[in-house]
N, C-alpha and C. Protein backbone atom coordinates (compact mmCIF):
# COMPACT_ATOMS: atom_id res chain seq x y z
N MET A 1 27.62 35.19 39.81
CA MET A 1 26.98 36.16 38.85
C MET A 1 26.09 35.28 38.02
N THR A 2 24.94 35.78 37.65
CA THR A 2 23.90 35.19 36.83
C THR A 2 24.48 35.18 35.37
N PRO A 3 24.40 34.02 34.91
CA PRO A 3 24.90 33.92 33.44
C PRO A 3 24.09 34.80 32.56
N ILE A 4 24.77 35.44 31.61
CA ILE A 4 24.16 36.38 30.76
C ILE A 4 23.80 35.46 29.49
N VAL A 5 22.42 35.70 29.01
CA VAL A 5 21.95 34.85 27.88
C VAL A 5 21.84 35.72 26.66
N GLN A 6 22.35 35.32 25.59
CA GLN A 6 22.37 36.31 24.42
C GLN A 6 20.97 35.91 23.63
N GLU A 7 20.84 36.65 22.57
CA GLU A 7 19.58 36.55 21.79
C GLU A 7 19.28 35.14 21.19
N ASP A 8 20.34 34.43 20.99
CA ASP A 8 20.26 33.09 20.35
C ASP A 8 20.17 32.09 21.47
N SER A 9 19.90 32.49 22.69
CA SER A 9 19.72 31.73 23.86
C SER A 9 20.94 30.81 24.15
N THR A 10 21.94 30.95 23.71
CA THR A 10 23.25 30.38 24.17
C THR A 10 23.86 30.98 25.39
N PRO A 11 23.97 30.16 26.41
CA PRO A 11 24.42 30.79 27.70
C PRO A 11 25.97 31.50 27.60
N SER A 12 26.19 32.45 28.30
CA SER A 12 27.51 32.99 28.28
C SER A 12 28.29 32.18 29.14
N ILE A 13 29.62 32.16 28.86
CA ILE A 13 30.59 31.28 29.56
C ILE A 13 31.35 32.19 30.51
N PRO A 14 31.54 31.77 31.85
CA PRO A 14 32.34 32.60 32.66
C PRO A 14 33.84 32.66 32.31
N LEU A 15 34.41 33.77 32.51
CA LEU A 15 35.94 33.85 32.05
C LEU A 15 36.77 32.96 32.83
N SER A 16 36.40 32.71 34.08
CA SER A 16 37.21 31.76 35.03
C SER A 16 37.23 30.39 34.25
N ALA A 17 36.09 29.92 33.58
CA ALA A 17 36.03 28.62 32.91
C ALA A 17 36.98 28.55 31.87
N LEU A 18 37.53 29.66 31.13
CA LEU A 18 38.41 29.63 30.17
C LEU A 18 39.72 29.23 30.79
N GLU A 19 40.11 29.79 31.92
CA GLU A 19 41.41 29.61 32.51
C GLU A 19 41.39 28.03 33.08
N HIS A 20 40.23 27.66 33.52
CA HIS A 20 40.19 26.23 34.00
C HIS A 20 40.38 25.39 32.79
N HIS A 21 39.86 25.61 31.65
CA HIS A 21 39.97 24.62 30.43
C HIS A 21 41.39 24.74 29.97
N ALA A 22 42.00 26.01 30.01
CA ALA A 22 43.35 26.16 29.49
C ALA A 22 44.24 25.31 30.40
N TYR A 23 44.00 25.07 31.51
CA TYR A 23 44.75 24.31 32.51
C TYR A 23 44.54 22.96 32.42
N CYS A 24 43.25 22.40 32.30
CA CYS A 24 42.72 21.05 32.02
C CYS A 24 41.24 21.10 31.75
N PRO A 25 40.86 20.53 30.60
CA PRO A 25 39.59 20.44 30.06
C PRO A 25 38.69 19.75 31.04
N ARG A 26 39.30 18.56 31.70
CA ARG A 26 38.53 17.71 32.62
C ARG A 26 38.15 18.72 33.89
N GLN A 27 39.17 19.42 34.36
CA GLN A 27 38.78 20.41 35.50
C GLN A 27 37.62 21.31 35.14
N ALA A 28 37.64 21.75 33.91
CA ALA A 28 36.71 22.89 33.58
C ALA A 28 35.21 22.14 33.48
N VAL A 29 35.13 20.99 33.07
CA VAL A 29 33.82 20.34 32.99
C VAL A 29 33.33 20.00 34.30
N LEU A 30 34.33 19.32 35.29
CA LEU A 30 33.89 19.07 36.55
C LEU A 30 33.23 20.22 37.48
N ILE A 31 33.98 21.42 37.21
CA ILE A 31 33.44 22.61 37.76
C ILE A 31 32.26 23.24 37.30
N HIS A 32 32.24 23.55 35.97
CA HIS A 32 31.27 24.17 35.28
C HIS A 32 30.03 23.55 34.63
N LEU A 33 30.15 22.15 34.61
CA LEU A 33 29.10 21.39 34.10
C LEU A 33 28.54 20.46 35.21
N ASP A 34 29.51 19.79 35.90
CA ASP A 34 29.00 18.80 36.94
C ASP A 34 28.92 19.61 38.35
N GLY A 35 29.40 20.85 38.50
CA GLY A 35 29.20 21.70 39.76
C GLY A 35 30.03 21.11 40.99
N TYR A 36 31.08 20.42 40.48
CA TYR A 36 31.98 19.71 41.54
C TYR A 36 33.10 20.73 41.82
N PHE A 37 33.40 21.07 43.14
CA PHE A 37 34.51 21.82 43.41
C PHE A 37 34.82 21.43 44.91
N ASP A 38 36.10 21.48 45.23
CA ASP A 38 36.54 21.24 46.60
C ASP A 38 37.82 22.10 46.83
N ALA A 39 37.97 22.68 48.10
CA ALA A 39 38.98 23.69 48.36
C ALA A 39 40.25 22.87 48.95
N ASN A 40 41.34 23.57 48.79
CA ASN A 40 42.52 23.07 49.37
C ASN A 40 43.29 24.40 49.83
N VAL A 41 44.35 24.16 50.21
CA VAL A 41 45.35 25.29 50.59
C VAL A 41 45.54 26.34 49.55
N ASP A 42 45.67 25.94 48.40
CA ASP A 42 45.89 26.88 47.24
C ASP A 42 44.60 27.56 47.06
N THR A 43 43.52 27.02 46.89
CA THR A 43 42.29 27.75 46.64
C THR A 43 41.94 28.69 47.73
N ILE A 44 42.15 28.36 49.07
CA ILE A 44 42.02 29.18 50.17
C ILE A 44 42.94 30.32 50.09
N ARG A 45 44.16 30.14 49.72
CA ARG A 45 45.19 31.27 49.69
C ARG A 45 44.68 32.18 48.61
N GLY A 46 44.19 31.70 47.52
CA GLY A 46 43.54 32.44 46.55
C GLY A 46 42.42 33.43 46.79
N ASP A 47 41.49 32.86 47.61
CA ASP A 47 40.38 33.60 48.18
C ASP A 47 40.82 34.77 48.95
N LEU A 48 42.05 34.50 49.81
CA LEU A 48 42.60 35.45 50.72
C LEU A 48 43.20 36.47 49.88
N ALA A 49 43.83 36.14 48.83
CA ALA A 49 44.59 37.11 47.93
C ALA A 49 43.57 38.19 47.28
N HIS A 50 42.29 37.76 47.10
CA HIS A 50 41.28 38.41 46.27
C HIS A 50 40.52 39.28 47.23
N ALA A 51 40.74 39.07 48.56
CA ALA A 51 39.99 39.95 49.63
C ALA A 51 39.93 41.34 49.31
N ALA A 52 41.27 41.89 48.96
CA ALA A 52 41.51 43.27 48.89
C ALA A 52 40.65 43.84 47.67
N VAL A 53 40.67 42.96 46.63
CA VAL A 53 40.02 43.56 45.26
C VAL A 53 38.51 43.29 45.14
N ASP A 54 38.02 42.32 45.92
CA ASP A 54 36.67 41.91 45.89
C ASP A 54 35.65 42.96 46.56
N SER A 55 36.19 43.81 47.12
CA SER A 55 35.42 45.03 47.73
C SER A 55 34.59 45.85 46.69
N GLY A 56 35.29 45.94 45.58
CA GLY A 56 34.68 46.58 44.45
C GLY A 56 34.58 47.98 44.45
N GLY A 57 34.27 48.61 43.32
CA GLY A 57 34.14 50.03 43.26
C GLY A 57 35.36 50.85 42.85
N PRO A 58 35.24 52.18 42.64
CA PRO A 58 36.28 53.00 42.08
C PRO A 58 37.32 53.26 43.17
N GLY A 59 38.57 53.58 42.69
CA GLY A 59 39.51 54.03 43.67
C GLY A 59 40.83 54.40 43.09
N LYS A 60 41.81 54.43 43.59
CA LYS A 60 43.24 54.67 43.02
C LYS A 60 44.19 53.67 43.39
N ASP A 61 45.04 53.50 42.46
CA ASP A 61 46.19 52.55 42.67
C ASP A 61 47.32 53.24 43.51
N ARG A 62 48.31 52.48 43.84
CA ARG A 62 49.36 53.03 44.56
C ARG A 62 50.10 54.29 43.99
N ASP A 63 50.10 54.14 42.62
CA ASP A 63 50.80 55.19 41.84
C ASP A 63 49.92 56.35 41.52
N GLY A 64 48.63 56.30 41.92
CA GLY A 64 47.66 57.40 41.68
C GLY A 64 46.84 57.21 40.49
N THR A 65 46.95 56.04 39.84
CA THR A 65 46.12 55.82 38.55
C THR A 65 44.79 55.31 39.09
N ARG A 66 43.66 55.96 38.47
CA ARG A 66 42.34 55.58 38.59
C ARG A 66 42.20 53.92 38.37
N VAL A 67 41.28 53.39 39.35
CA VAL A 67 41.10 52.01 39.05
C VAL A 67 39.68 51.66 39.42
N TRP A 68 39.22 50.57 38.93
CA TRP A 68 37.94 49.94 39.35
C TRP A 68 38.10 48.51 39.74
N ARG A 69 37.62 48.27 40.91
CA ARG A 69 37.85 46.81 41.52
C ARG A 69 36.53 46.17 41.27
N SER A 70 36.65 44.91 40.99
CA SER A 70 35.64 43.96 40.79
C SER A 70 34.59 44.46 39.63
N LEU A 71 35.22 44.82 38.62
CA LEU A 71 34.37 45.49 37.48
C LEU A 71 33.78 44.29 36.67
N PRO A 72 32.38 44.12 36.45
CA PRO A 72 31.80 43.10 35.64
C PRO A 72 32.00 43.53 34.16
N VAL A 73 32.47 42.48 33.39
CA VAL A 73 32.55 42.68 31.94
C VAL A 73 31.95 41.60 31.21
N VAL A 74 31.77 41.95 29.93
CA VAL A 74 30.94 40.89 29.06
C VAL A 74 31.53 41.15 27.54
N SER A 75 31.34 40.12 26.89
CA SER A 75 31.60 40.16 25.33
C SER A 75 30.40 39.41 24.79
N HIS A 76 29.63 40.20 23.91
CA HIS A 76 28.56 39.58 23.41
C HIS A 76 29.00 38.92 22.08
N THR A 77 30.08 39.21 21.61
CA THR A 77 30.78 38.48 20.38
C THR A 77 31.09 37.03 20.75
N LEU A 78 32.00 36.85 21.75
CA LEU A 78 32.40 35.58 22.23
C LEU A 78 31.34 34.98 23.19
N ARG A 79 30.40 35.78 23.71
CA ARG A 79 29.48 35.21 24.58
C ARG A 79 30.18 34.79 25.91
N VAL A 80 31.00 35.57 26.44
CA VAL A 80 31.65 35.38 27.77
C VAL A 80 31.38 36.54 28.65
N HIS A 81 31.47 36.18 29.87
CA HIS A 81 31.21 37.25 30.89
C HIS A 81 32.14 36.91 32.24
N GLY A 82 32.36 37.95 32.97
CA GLY A 82 33.08 37.74 34.39
C GLY A 82 33.28 38.96 35.07
N VAL A 83 34.18 38.91 35.87
CA VAL A 83 34.62 40.17 36.66
C VAL A 83 36.14 40.30 36.64
N CYS A 84 36.50 41.51 36.39
CA CYS A 84 37.93 41.82 36.32
C CYS A 84 38.23 42.18 37.90
N ASP A 85 39.48 41.59 38.25
CA ASP A 85 39.74 42.00 39.69
C ASP A 85 40.09 43.39 39.89
N VAL A 86 40.77 43.99 38.77
CA VAL A 86 41.07 45.42 38.79
C VAL A 86 41.13 45.95 37.32
N VAL A 87 40.65 47.03 37.05
CA VAL A 87 40.96 47.66 35.68
C VAL A 87 41.51 49.01 35.99
N ARG A 88 42.65 49.29 35.33
CA ARG A 88 43.44 50.54 35.52
C ARG A 88 43.08 51.38 34.39
N PHE A 89 42.70 52.54 34.64
CA PHE A 89 42.18 53.58 33.77
C PHE A 89 43.58 54.46 33.22
N GLU A 90 44.41 53.95 32.67
CA GLU A 90 45.62 54.70 32.19
C GLU A 90 45.39 55.65 31.09
N SER A 91 46.46 56.56 30.82
CA SER A 91 46.30 57.49 29.91
C SER A 91 46.13 56.88 28.37
N THR A 92 46.78 55.62 28.25
CA THR A 92 46.76 54.97 26.96
C THR A 92 45.66 54.04 26.85
N GLY A 93 44.86 53.96 27.84
CA GLY A 93 43.62 52.98 27.76
C GLY A 93 43.48 52.21 28.99
N HIS A 94 42.50 51.16 28.93
CA HIS A 94 42.18 50.25 30.01
C HIS A 94 43.26 49.15 30.04
N VAL A 95 43.54 48.69 31.34
CA VAL A 95 44.43 47.60 31.52
C VAL A 95 43.80 46.68 32.69
N PRO A 96 43.41 45.40 32.30
CA PRO A 96 42.88 44.54 33.23
C PRO A 96 44.16 43.91 34.01
N VAL A 97 43.88 43.84 35.38
CA VAL A 97 44.76 43.25 36.28
C VAL A 97 44.21 42.12 36.90
N GLU A 98 44.68 40.82 36.80
CA GLU A 98 44.15 39.61 37.25
C GLU A 98 45.20 39.31 38.33
N HIS A 99 44.59 39.08 39.68
CA HIS A 99 45.40 38.69 40.84
C HIS A 99 45.47 37.08 41.06
N LYS A 100 46.62 36.60 41.21
CA LYS A 100 46.83 35.28 41.42
C LYS A 100 47.71 35.15 42.62
N SER A 101 47.47 34.15 43.36
CA SER A 101 48.18 33.91 44.68
C SER A 101 49.53 33.16 44.48
N GLY A 102 49.62 32.40 43.38
CA GLY A 102 50.82 31.68 43.08
C GLY A 102 51.89 32.37 42.34
N ALA A 103 52.64 31.56 41.59
CA ALA A 103 53.61 32.08 40.66
C ALA A 103 53.14 32.27 39.20
N TYR A 104 53.68 33.20 38.63
CA TYR A 104 53.38 33.49 37.11
C TYR A 104 53.95 32.65 36.20
N ARG A 105 53.21 31.87 35.32
CA ARG A 105 53.96 31.28 34.27
C ARG A 105 53.68 31.69 32.85
N PRO A 106 54.74 32.35 32.23
CA PRO A 106 54.38 32.95 30.89
C PRO A 106 53.68 32.13 29.97
N GLY A 107 52.71 32.50 29.28
CA GLY A 107 51.96 31.74 28.38
C GLY A 107 51.04 30.63 28.91
N GLY A 108 50.84 30.62 30.20
CA GLY A 108 49.97 29.74 30.85
C GLY A 108 48.56 30.17 30.86
N PRO A 109 47.68 29.32 31.66
CA PRO A 109 46.30 29.64 31.55
C PRO A 109 45.81 31.10 32.10
N ALA A 110 46.54 31.69 32.98
CA ALA A 110 46.16 32.89 33.47
C ALA A 110 46.30 34.03 32.28
N ASP A 111 47.17 33.71 31.23
CA ASP A 111 47.26 34.63 30.21
C ASP A 111 46.00 34.70 29.41
N VAL A 112 45.37 33.51 29.28
CA VAL A 112 44.05 33.26 28.45
C VAL A 112 43.02 34.09 29.23
N GLN A 113 43.06 33.96 30.52
CA GLN A 113 41.85 34.60 31.32
C GLN A 113 42.03 36.24 31.14
N VAL A 114 43.16 36.66 31.30
CA VAL A 114 43.29 38.16 31.23
C VAL A 114 43.24 38.71 29.83
N ALA A 115 43.59 37.96 28.90
CA ALA A 115 43.24 38.34 27.40
C ALA A 115 41.85 38.34 27.21
N ALA A 116 41.05 37.44 27.61
CA ALA A 116 39.51 37.47 27.59
C ALA A 116 38.95 38.68 28.13
N GLN A 117 39.59 38.98 29.26
CA GLN A 117 39.07 40.21 29.91
C GLN A 117 39.40 41.42 29.06
N ALA A 118 40.54 41.44 28.46
CA ALA A 118 40.91 42.68 27.54
C ALA A 118 40.02 42.68 26.28
N LEU A 119 39.53 41.62 25.75
CA LEU A 119 38.62 41.57 24.65
C LEU A 119 37.21 42.10 25.04
N CYS A 120 36.84 41.72 26.38
CA CYS A 120 35.59 42.22 26.92
C CYS A 120 35.59 43.65 27.03
N LEU A 121 36.74 44.36 27.63
CA LEU A 121 36.89 45.72 27.79
C LEU A 121 36.88 46.34 26.58
N LYS A 122 37.63 45.75 25.42
CA LYS A 122 37.67 46.48 24.15
C LYS A 122 36.29 46.53 23.51
N GLU A 123 35.47 45.53 23.63
CA GLU A 123 34.06 45.56 23.14
C GLU A 123 33.24 46.40 23.85
N MET A 124 33.43 46.54 25.12
CA MET A 124 32.59 47.43 26.03
C MET A 124 32.71 48.83 25.71
N PHE A 125 34.09 49.20 25.73
CA PHE A 125 34.56 50.64 25.64
C PHE A 125 34.86 51.20 24.25
N GLY A 126 35.03 50.23 23.40
CA GLY A 126 35.33 50.59 21.97
C GLY A 126 36.93 51.12 21.81
N THR A 127 37.70 50.82 22.65
CA THR A 127 39.10 51.23 22.50
C THR A 127 39.97 49.97 22.66
N PRO A 128 41.19 50.02 21.96
CA PRO A 128 42.12 48.88 21.97
C PRO A 128 42.56 48.74 23.45
N VAL A 129 42.87 47.34 23.85
CA VAL A 129 43.48 47.04 25.11
C VAL A 129 44.62 46.14 24.78
N PRO A 130 45.76 46.67 24.49
CA PRO A 130 46.79 45.88 23.96
C PRO A 130 47.66 45.12 25.06
N THR A 131 47.45 45.49 26.35
CA THR A 131 48.15 44.77 27.35
C THR A 131 47.14 44.44 28.64
N GLY A 132 47.57 43.41 29.38
CA GLY A 132 46.98 42.99 30.54
C GLY A 132 48.11 42.78 31.54
N VAL A 133 47.79 42.57 32.81
CA VAL A 133 48.77 42.40 33.89
C VAL A 133 48.27 41.22 34.62
N ILE A 134 49.31 40.43 34.96
CA ILE A 134 49.03 39.34 35.99
C ILE A 134 49.87 39.65 37.27
N PHE A 135 49.11 39.93 38.31
CA PHE A 135 49.87 40.13 39.65
C PHE A 135 50.02 38.75 40.38
N ALA A 136 51.19 38.29 40.58
CA ALA A 136 51.54 37.10 41.11
C ALA A 136 51.93 37.21 42.52
N GLY A 137 51.10 36.59 43.49
CA GLY A 137 51.43 36.67 44.95
C GLY A 137 52.67 36.04 45.35
N ALA A 138 53.22 35.09 44.54
CA ALA A 138 54.39 34.40 44.89
C ALA A 138 55.61 35.27 44.97
N ASP A 139 55.67 36.00 43.86
CA ASP A 139 56.81 37.05 44.04
C ASP A 139 56.37 38.56 44.13
N ARG A 140 55.21 38.85 44.33
CA ARG A 140 54.58 40.23 44.56
C ARG A 140 55.14 41.06 43.43
N ARG A 141 54.86 40.62 42.27
CA ARG A 141 55.30 41.35 41.14
C ARG A 141 54.05 41.40 40.08
N ARG A 142 54.07 42.44 39.24
CA ARG A 142 53.16 42.61 38.12
C ARG A 142 53.87 42.15 36.75
N HIS A 143 53.25 41.17 36.11
CA HIS A 143 53.80 40.65 34.88
C HIS A 143 52.93 41.06 33.86
N VAL A 144 53.58 41.87 32.82
CA VAL A 144 52.73 42.43 31.70
C VAL A 144 52.49 41.35 30.65
N VAL A 145 51.36 41.24 30.19
CA VAL A 145 50.80 40.33 29.07
C VAL A 145 50.50 40.99 27.87
N ASP A 146 51.23 40.80 26.71
CA ASP A 146 50.89 41.41 25.55
C ASP A 146 49.67 40.62 24.88
N ILE A 147 48.57 41.41 24.63
CA ILE A 147 47.43 40.76 23.97
C ILE A 147 47.51 40.88 22.57
N ASP A 148 48.41 40.09 22.05
CA ASP A 148 48.74 39.98 20.54
C ASP A 148 47.78 39.06 19.83
N ALA A 149 47.89 39.00 18.43
CA ALA A 149 47.04 38.13 17.63
C ALA A 149 47.08 36.84 17.95
N PRO A 150 48.17 36.16 18.31
CA PRO A 150 48.23 34.66 18.66
C PRO A 150 47.46 34.45 20.05
N LEU A 151 47.57 35.35 20.97
CA LEU A 151 46.85 35.16 22.28
C LEU A 151 45.47 35.44 22.05
N ARG A 152 45.04 36.34 21.32
CA ARG A 152 43.54 36.50 20.95
C ARG A 152 42.97 35.30 20.22
N ALA A 153 43.68 34.85 19.29
CA ALA A 153 43.24 33.62 18.62
C ALA A 153 43.01 32.32 19.63
N ARG A 154 43.95 32.26 20.48
CA ARG A 154 43.95 31.34 21.58
C ARG A 154 42.76 31.49 22.53
N VAL A 155 42.29 32.56 22.92
CA VAL A 155 41.09 32.85 23.57
C VAL A 155 39.84 32.38 22.70
N VAL A 156 39.70 32.67 21.49
CA VAL A 156 38.67 32.33 20.54
C VAL A 156 38.68 30.81 20.47
N GLU A 157 39.70 30.17 20.30
CA GLU A 157 39.87 28.64 20.24
C GLU A 157 39.33 27.96 21.65
N THR A 158 39.90 28.57 22.68
CA THR A 158 39.55 27.99 23.95
C THR A 158 38.25 28.21 24.28
N THR A 159 37.58 29.29 23.85
CA THR A 159 36.10 29.54 24.10
C THR A 159 35.21 28.43 23.36
N ARG A 160 35.81 28.19 21.98
CA ARG A 160 34.94 27.40 21.26
C ARG A 160 35.19 25.92 21.62
N ALA A 161 36.15 25.38 22.11
CA ALA A 161 36.37 24.15 22.57
C ALA A 161 35.61 23.94 23.84
N LEU A 162 35.65 24.88 24.62
CA LEU A 162 34.96 24.83 25.93
C LEU A 162 33.46 24.73 25.81
N ARG A 163 33.00 25.74 24.96
CA ARG A 163 31.54 25.65 24.64
C ARG A 163 31.12 24.02 24.15
N ALA A 164 31.96 23.59 23.26
CA ALA A 164 31.62 22.25 22.82
C ALA A 164 31.63 21.18 23.82
N LEU A 165 32.54 21.32 24.89
CA LEU A 165 32.48 20.34 25.92
C LEU A 165 31.29 20.45 26.74
N LEU A 166 31.07 21.71 27.09
CA LEU A 166 29.95 21.98 27.95
C LEU A 166 28.49 21.61 27.42
N ALA A 167 28.50 21.66 25.93
CA ALA A 167 27.27 21.07 25.34
C ALA A 167 27.19 19.70 25.25
N GLY A 168 28.27 18.86 25.62
CA GLY A 168 28.18 17.40 25.48
C GLY A 168 27.93 16.80 26.59
N VAL A 169 28.01 15.38 26.57
CA VAL A 169 27.74 14.57 27.70
C VAL A 169 28.85 13.78 28.13
N PHE A 170 30.11 13.99 27.69
CA PHE A 170 31.28 13.23 27.96
C PHE A 170 32.21 13.99 28.85
N LEU A 171 32.83 13.28 29.89
CA LEU A 171 33.82 13.91 30.64
C LEU A 171 35.25 13.64 30.11
N PRO A 172 35.88 14.49 29.73
CA PRO A 172 37.39 14.34 29.11
C PRO A 172 38.11 13.42 30.09
N ALA A 173 38.88 12.56 29.43
CA ALA A 173 39.83 11.64 30.16
C ALA A 173 40.78 12.46 31.06
N PRO A 174 41.11 11.76 32.41
CA PRO A 174 42.16 12.47 33.11
C PRO A 174 43.48 12.45 32.47
N VAL A 175 44.27 13.60 32.72
CA VAL A 175 45.54 13.90 32.13
C VAL A 175 46.51 13.01 33.18
N ASN A 176 46.30 12.95 34.39
CA ASN A 176 47.28 12.15 35.51
C ASN A 176 48.68 12.50 35.16
N ASP A 177 48.94 13.88 35.23
CA ASP A 177 50.41 14.26 35.26
C ASP A 177 50.59 15.27 36.30
N ARG A 178 51.68 16.06 36.25
CA ARG A 178 52.00 16.94 37.43
C ARG A 178 50.97 18.01 37.67
N ARG A 179 50.04 18.26 36.82
CA ARG A 179 48.98 19.32 37.03
C ARG A 179 48.08 18.80 38.10
N CYS A 180 48.06 17.45 38.30
CA CYS A 180 47.04 16.87 39.15
C CYS A 180 47.51 16.93 40.54
N ARG A 181 48.79 17.14 40.90
CA ARG A 181 49.31 16.98 42.22
C ARG A 181 48.83 17.98 43.15
N ARG A 182 48.54 19.11 42.73
CA ARG A 182 48.04 20.13 43.64
C ARG A 182 46.60 20.73 43.30
N CYS A 183 45.96 19.86 42.49
CA CYS A 183 44.56 20.26 42.07
C CYS A 183 43.68 20.02 43.23
N SER A 184 42.72 20.80 43.59
CA SER A 184 41.90 20.57 44.64
C SER A 184 40.86 19.61 44.17
N LEU A 185 40.82 19.35 42.95
CA LEU A 185 39.59 18.35 42.46
C LEU A 185 40.23 16.80 42.40
N ARG A 186 41.30 16.70 42.88
CA ARG A 186 42.07 15.24 42.77
C ARG A 186 41.26 14.22 43.16
N GLU A 187 40.67 14.30 44.41
CA GLU A 187 39.88 13.21 44.99
C GLU A 187 38.72 12.94 44.28
N GLY A 188 37.95 13.73 43.83
CA GLY A 188 36.80 13.48 43.00
C GLY A 188 37.03 13.21 41.47
N CYS A 189 38.12 13.89 41.01
CA CYS A 189 38.51 13.49 39.63
C CYS A 189 39.05 12.18 39.48
N MET A 190 39.94 11.62 40.38
CA MET A 190 40.39 10.30 40.44
C MET A 190 41.23 10.11 39.16
N PRO A 191 42.27 10.86 38.98
CA PRO A 191 43.08 10.73 37.70
C PRO A 191 43.97 9.46 37.69
N ASP A 192 44.12 8.93 38.68
CA ASP A 192 44.81 7.62 38.76
C ASP A 192 44.09 6.25 38.28
N VAL A 193 42.75 6.51 38.15
CA VAL A 193 41.92 5.34 37.90
C VAL A 193 42.16 5.24 36.25
N PRO A 194 42.35 3.99 35.88
CA PRO A 194 42.52 3.82 34.25
C PRO A 194 41.28 4.10 33.61
N VAL A 195 41.27 4.79 32.45
CA VAL A 195 40.18 5.10 31.66
C VAL A 195 39.54 3.72 31.21
N ASP A 196 40.26 2.80 30.94
CA ASP A 196 39.81 1.48 30.45
C ASP A 196 39.96 0.51 31.57
N PRO A 197 38.81 0.12 32.33
CA PRO A 197 38.96 -0.83 33.43
C PRO A 197 39.52 -2.03 33.12
N GLY A 198 39.79 -2.46 31.95
CA GLY A 198 40.45 -3.69 31.71
C GLY A 198 42.03 -3.61 31.89
N THR A 199 42.47 -2.47 32.08
CA THR A 199 43.90 -2.16 32.29
C THR A 199 44.27 -2.14 33.75
N LEU A 200 43.22 -2.19 34.62
CA LEU A 200 43.32 -1.91 36.14
C LEU A 200 44.55 -2.72 36.62
N PHE A 201 44.69 -3.88 36.11
CA PHE A 201 45.72 -4.72 36.90
C PHE A 201 46.86 -4.93 35.88
N THR A 202 46.96 -4.24 34.95
CA THR A 202 48.17 -4.14 34.00
C THR A 202 49.15 -3.15 34.38
N ALA A 203 50.48 -3.70 34.66
CA ALA A 203 51.60 -2.84 35.04
C ALA A 203 51.80 -1.70 34.00
N ARG A 204 51.95 -0.54 34.49
CA ARG A 204 52.45 0.61 33.52
C ARG A 204 53.79 0.58 33.32
N PRO A 205 54.31 1.04 32.22
CA PRO A 205 55.68 1.36 32.04
C PRO A 205 56.31 2.40 32.99
N GLU A 206 57.56 2.16 33.57
CA GLU A 206 58.18 2.95 34.43
C GLU A 206 58.02 4.37 34.13
N ALA A 207 58.16 4.77 32.95
CA ALA A 207 58.26 6.19 32.49
C ALA A 207 56.99 6.90 32.61
N SER A 208 55.81 6.12 32.72
CA SER A 208 54.47 6.78 32.76
C SER A 208 53.97 7.04 34.15
N TRP A 209 54.88 6.65 35.19
CA TRP A 209 54.40 6.83 36.67
C TRP A 209 54.61 8.19 36.92
N ASP A 210 53.62 8.81 37.62
CA ASP A 210 53.78 10.22 38.16
C ASP A 210 54.15 10.16 39.61
N ASP A 211 55.46 10.11 39.91
CA ASP A 211 55.82 9.96 41.24
C ASP A 211 57.03 11.06 41.41
């Protein structure tokens, strides 16, 4: 999608970048600033999981609720944009549904992404969006996410922090923890390389090894 540029000429940030930053700031910069991406079995599985919703357009869910697949959304307040996998038009309002191929982790990065979608929908349609849904392929279940004040504040803070990183010139230091094990960017990110080259031949304490 072509980035949406606001009147102040500040580029809009993709919603997917918010999830990447919530997972790992270094990952977000590598993808959205350096243009580096590599696929692995998890990203391919995710692409396949999105095949059904990427067709786009109106339709109905299994329970008969009207839905719109691949709905473009934007918030001019936050200066973010993206595409909702599915938006359910329920009697109580709009509900964004984000599809993930893996397991759902409450409070994880996916919550930030679906909450940002909810804020976009609220701004576009002028109605409250109190909940979102994460559909996890690992258990084939829908997990309801309450878009409460702390989560909305987290979206705002994540957007602010990411915007500052994308406007800078420094790549955040690698975290080199369990998040790196299945990351498709591991080869190019090189989280095992010490930030300080002078420590390259210095033995690390046993507790700091990620094995």
